[in-house]
N, C-alpha and C. Protein backbone atom coordinates (compact mmCIF):
# COMPACT_ATOMS: atom_id res chain seq x y z
N MET A 1 0.58 -1.05 -0.08
CA MET A 1 0.19 0.03 -0.28
C MET A 1 0.82 0.96 -0.17
N ASN A 2 0.20 2.50 -1.34
CA ASN A 2 1.34 3.40 -0.84
C ASN A 2 0.80 4.23 -0.35
N LEU A 3 1.09 5.41 -0.20
CA LEU A 3 1.04 6.52 0.89
C LEU A 3 -0.46 7.37 0.40
N LYS A 4 -0.89 7.17 -1.06
CA LYS A 4 -1.93 8.39 -1.30
C LYS A 4 -2.54 7.19 -1.58
N ASN A 5 -2.61 5.36 -1.71
CA ASN A 5 -4.05 5.05 -1.24
C ASN A 5 -4.07 4.80 -0.17
N PHE A 6 -3.81 5.06 1.04
CA PHE A 6 -3.36 5.29 2.24
C PHE A 6 -4.01 6.67 2.55
N VAL A 7 -3.66 7.69 2.04
CA VAL A 7 -4.34 8.42 2.97
C VAL A 7 -6.02 8.67 1.58
N LEU A 8 -6.44 8.52 1.27
CA LEU A 8 -8.12 8.38 -0.07
C LEU A 8 -8.21 7.24 0.41
N GLU A 9 -7.74 6.10 1.22
CA GLU A 9 -8.89 4.69 2.16
C GLU A 9 -9.00 6.14 3.64
N SER A 10 -8.32 6.62 3.92
CA SER A 10 -8.48 7.62 5.22
C SER A 10 -9.51 7.77 4.56
N TYR A 11 -9.84 9.10 4.43
CA TYR A 11 -10.58 10.10 4.10
C TYR A 11 -12.42 9.71 3.63
N ASP A 12 -11.98 8.16 3.09
CA ASP A 12 -13.16 7.72 2.60
C ASP A 12 -13.73 6.79 3.88
N GLU A 13 -12.76 6.54 4.81
CA GLU A 13 -13.71 6.22 6.22
C GLU A 13 -13.70 7.19 7.04
N MET A 14 -13.14 8.46 7.16
CA MET A 14 -13.52 8.95 8.40
C MET A 14 -14.82 9.83 7.61
N LYS A 15 -15.05 10.17 6.12
CA LYS A 15 -16.19 10.90 6.22
C LYS A 15 -17.08 9.56 5.59
N ASN A 16 -17.47 8.40 5.26
CA ASN A 16 -18.68 7.61 5.16
C ASN A 16 -18.54 6.52 6.39
N MET A 17 -17.99 6.30 7.00
CA MET A 17 -17.99 5.43 7.79
C MET A 17 -17.98 6.08 9.76
N VAL A 18 -17.64 6.85 9.27
CA VAL A 18 -18.10 7.10 10.96
C VAL A 18 -18.54 8.29 10.95
N THR A 19 -19.48 7.88 12.39
CA THR A 19 -20.86 8.65 12.84
C THR A 19 -20.07 9.76 14.46
N TRP A 20 -20.90 10.69 13.64
CA TRP A 20 -19.96 11.82 14.90
C TRP A 20 -20.66 12.38 15.39
N PRO A 21 -20.82 12.87 16.23
CA PRO A 21 -21.84 13.51 17.35
C PRO A 21 -21.74 14.45 17.28
N LYS A 22 -23.40 15.15 17.26
CA LYS A 22 -24.37 15.92 17.20
C LYS A 22 -23.43 17.22 17.23
N PHE A 23 -23.26 18.18 17.29
CA PHE A 23 -23.81 20.13 18.13
C PHE A 23 -23.16 20.13 19.17
N SER A 24 -25.41 19.57 18.69
CA SER A 24 -25.27 19.77 20.95
C SER A 24 -24.38 19.59 21.83
N PHE A 25 -24.00 18.03 21.18
CA PHE A 25 -23.93 17.36 22.46
C PHE A 25 -22.15 17.26 22.64
N LEU A 26 -21.78 17.50 21.33
CA LEU A 26 -20.39 18.89 21.76
C LEU A 26 -20.59 19.94 22.91
N GLN A 27 -20.82 20.77 22.57
CA GLN A 27 -21.60 21.74 23.18
C GLN A 27 -21.87 21.25 24.55
N ASN A 28 -22.81 20.58 24.98
CA ASN A 28 -23.29 19.88 26.59
C ASN A 28 -21.53 19.41 27.21
N SER A 29 -21.46 18.49 26.04
CA SER A 29 -20.12 17.95 26.95
C SER A 29 -18.64 19.39 27.24
N ALA A 30 -18.50 19.99 26.42
CA ALA A 30 -17.79 21.01 27.20
C ALA A 30 -18.79 21.61 27.78
N ILE A 31 -19.42 22.20 28.00
CA ILE A 31 -19.54 23.21 29.58
C ILE A 31 -19.59 21.36 30.66
N LEU A 32 -19.55 20.30 30.40
CA LEU A 32 -19.35 19.84 31.81
C LEU A 32 -18.60 19.61 31.98
N VAL A 33 -17.44 19.41 30.94
CA VAL A 33 -15.81 19.42 30.87
C VAL A 33 -15.76 20.58 31.53
N LEU A 34 -15.64 21.83 31.34
CA LEU A 34 -14.89 23.27 31.58
C LEU A 34 -15.69 22.91 33.02
N VAL A 35 -17.35 22.94 33.24
CA VAL A 35 -17.54 23.23 34.82
C VAL A 35 -16.86 22.07 35.98
N ALA A 36 -16.88 21.23 35.40
CA ALA A 36 -16.05 19.95 36.40
C ALA A 36 -14.06 20.38 36.16
N SER A 37 -13.77 20.72 35.28
CA SER A 37 -12.49 21.09 35.87
C SER A 37 -12.15 21.98 36.71
N LEU A 38 -13.25 23.48 36.88
CA LEU A 38 -13.20 24.81 38.01
C LEU A 38 -13.92 24.18 38.69
N ILE A 39 -14.40 23.13 39.53
CA ILE A 39 -14.43 22.56 40.81
C ILE A 39 -13.66 21.99 41.55
N PHE A 40 -13.09 21.15 40.77
CA PHE A 40 -11.38 20.47 40.11
C PHE A 40 -10.25 20.83 40.79
N ALA A 41 -10.55 22.81 39.81
CA ALA A 41 -9.50 23.23 39.68
C ALA A 41 -9.43 23.85 41.84
N LEU A 42 -11.13 25.00 42.72
CA LEU A 42 -11.49 25.04 43.79
C LEU A 42 -10.67 24.11 44.22
N PHE A 43 -11.01 22.83 44.81
CA PHE A 43 -11.46 22.23 45.44
C PHE A 43 -9.94 22.32 45.38
N ILE A 44 -8.73 22.05 44.39
CA ILE A 44 -7.27 21.89 44.87
C ILE A 44 -6.98 22.65 45.42
N GLY A 45 -7.17 24.54 44.95
CA GLY A 45 -7.02 25.76 44.95
C GLY A 45 -7.61 26.35 47.21
N ALA A 46 -8.42 25.10 47.27
CA ALA A 46 -9.24 25.75 48.67
C ALA A 46 -7.57 24.03 49.87
N VAL A 47 -7.37 23.22 48.97
CA VAL A 47 -6.73 22.72 49.61
C VAL A 47 -5.40 22.71 50.02
N ASP A 48 -4.74 23.39 49.04
CA ASP A 48 -3.70 23.94 48.62
C ASP A 48 -2.93 25.75 50.28
N LEU A 49 -4.61 25.98 49.87
CA LEU A 49 -4.81 27.08 51.65
C LEU A 49 -4.83 26.31 52.65
N GLY A 50 -5.18 25.64 52.41
CA GLY A 50 -4.62 24.58 53.85
C GLY A 50 -4.01 24.11 54.84
N PHE A 51 -2.70 23.62 53.07
CA PHE A 51 -1.70 23.07 53.56
C PHE A 51 -0.95 23.88 53.55
N GLU A 52 -1.42 25.78 53.34
CA GLU A 52 -0.09 26.73 53.54
C GLU A 52 -0.75 27.46 54.82
N ASN A 53 -1.83 27.12 54.67
CA ASN A 53 -1.84 27.69 56.11
C ASN A 53 -1.24 26.93 57.91
N ILE A 54 -1.92 25.82 57.36
CA ILE A 54 -1.23 24.35 58.98
C ILE A 54 0.67 24.89 58.46
N MET A 55 1.65 24.87 57.60
CA MET A 55 2.59 24.69 57.32
C MET A 55 2.92 26.68 58.30
N THR A 56 2.02 27.39 57.49
CA THR A 56 2.59 28.57 58.79
C THR A 56 2.80 28.51 59.55
N TRP A 57 1.45 28.12 60.36
CA TRP A 57 0.96 27.76 61.48
C TRP A 57 1.16 27.15 62.62
N PHE A 58 2.86 25.65 62.04
CA PHE A 58 3.41 24.86 61.93
C PHE A 58 4.79 25.27 62.95
N TYR A 59 5.64 25.64 60.90
CA TYR A 59 6.79 26.65 61.35
C TYR A 59 6.58 27.50 62.64
N GLY A 60 5.47 27.46 62.43
CA GLY A 60 5.71 29.02 63.79
C GLY A 60 5.84 28.73 64.59
N LEU A 61 5.53 27.04 64.68
CA LEU A 61 5.63 27.43 67.01
C LEU A 61 6.60 27.24 67.27
N PHE A 62 7.87 26.79 66.08
CA PHE A 62 9.65 26.61 66.03
C PHE A 62 10.56 28.44 66.43
């Protein structure tokens, strides 16, 4: 199989045999990922702030 044949068959498969999701589904998925990432970032930030306060208090004892 040469490169040209491979590219043509790959293009044909992507165009005719792949089932692509609807745009509304992609929007909903993107919003879900955005919200989940924001919640995760806030959680990690809160844990980091807590550890910073604990370490500041701990090192302040010495």
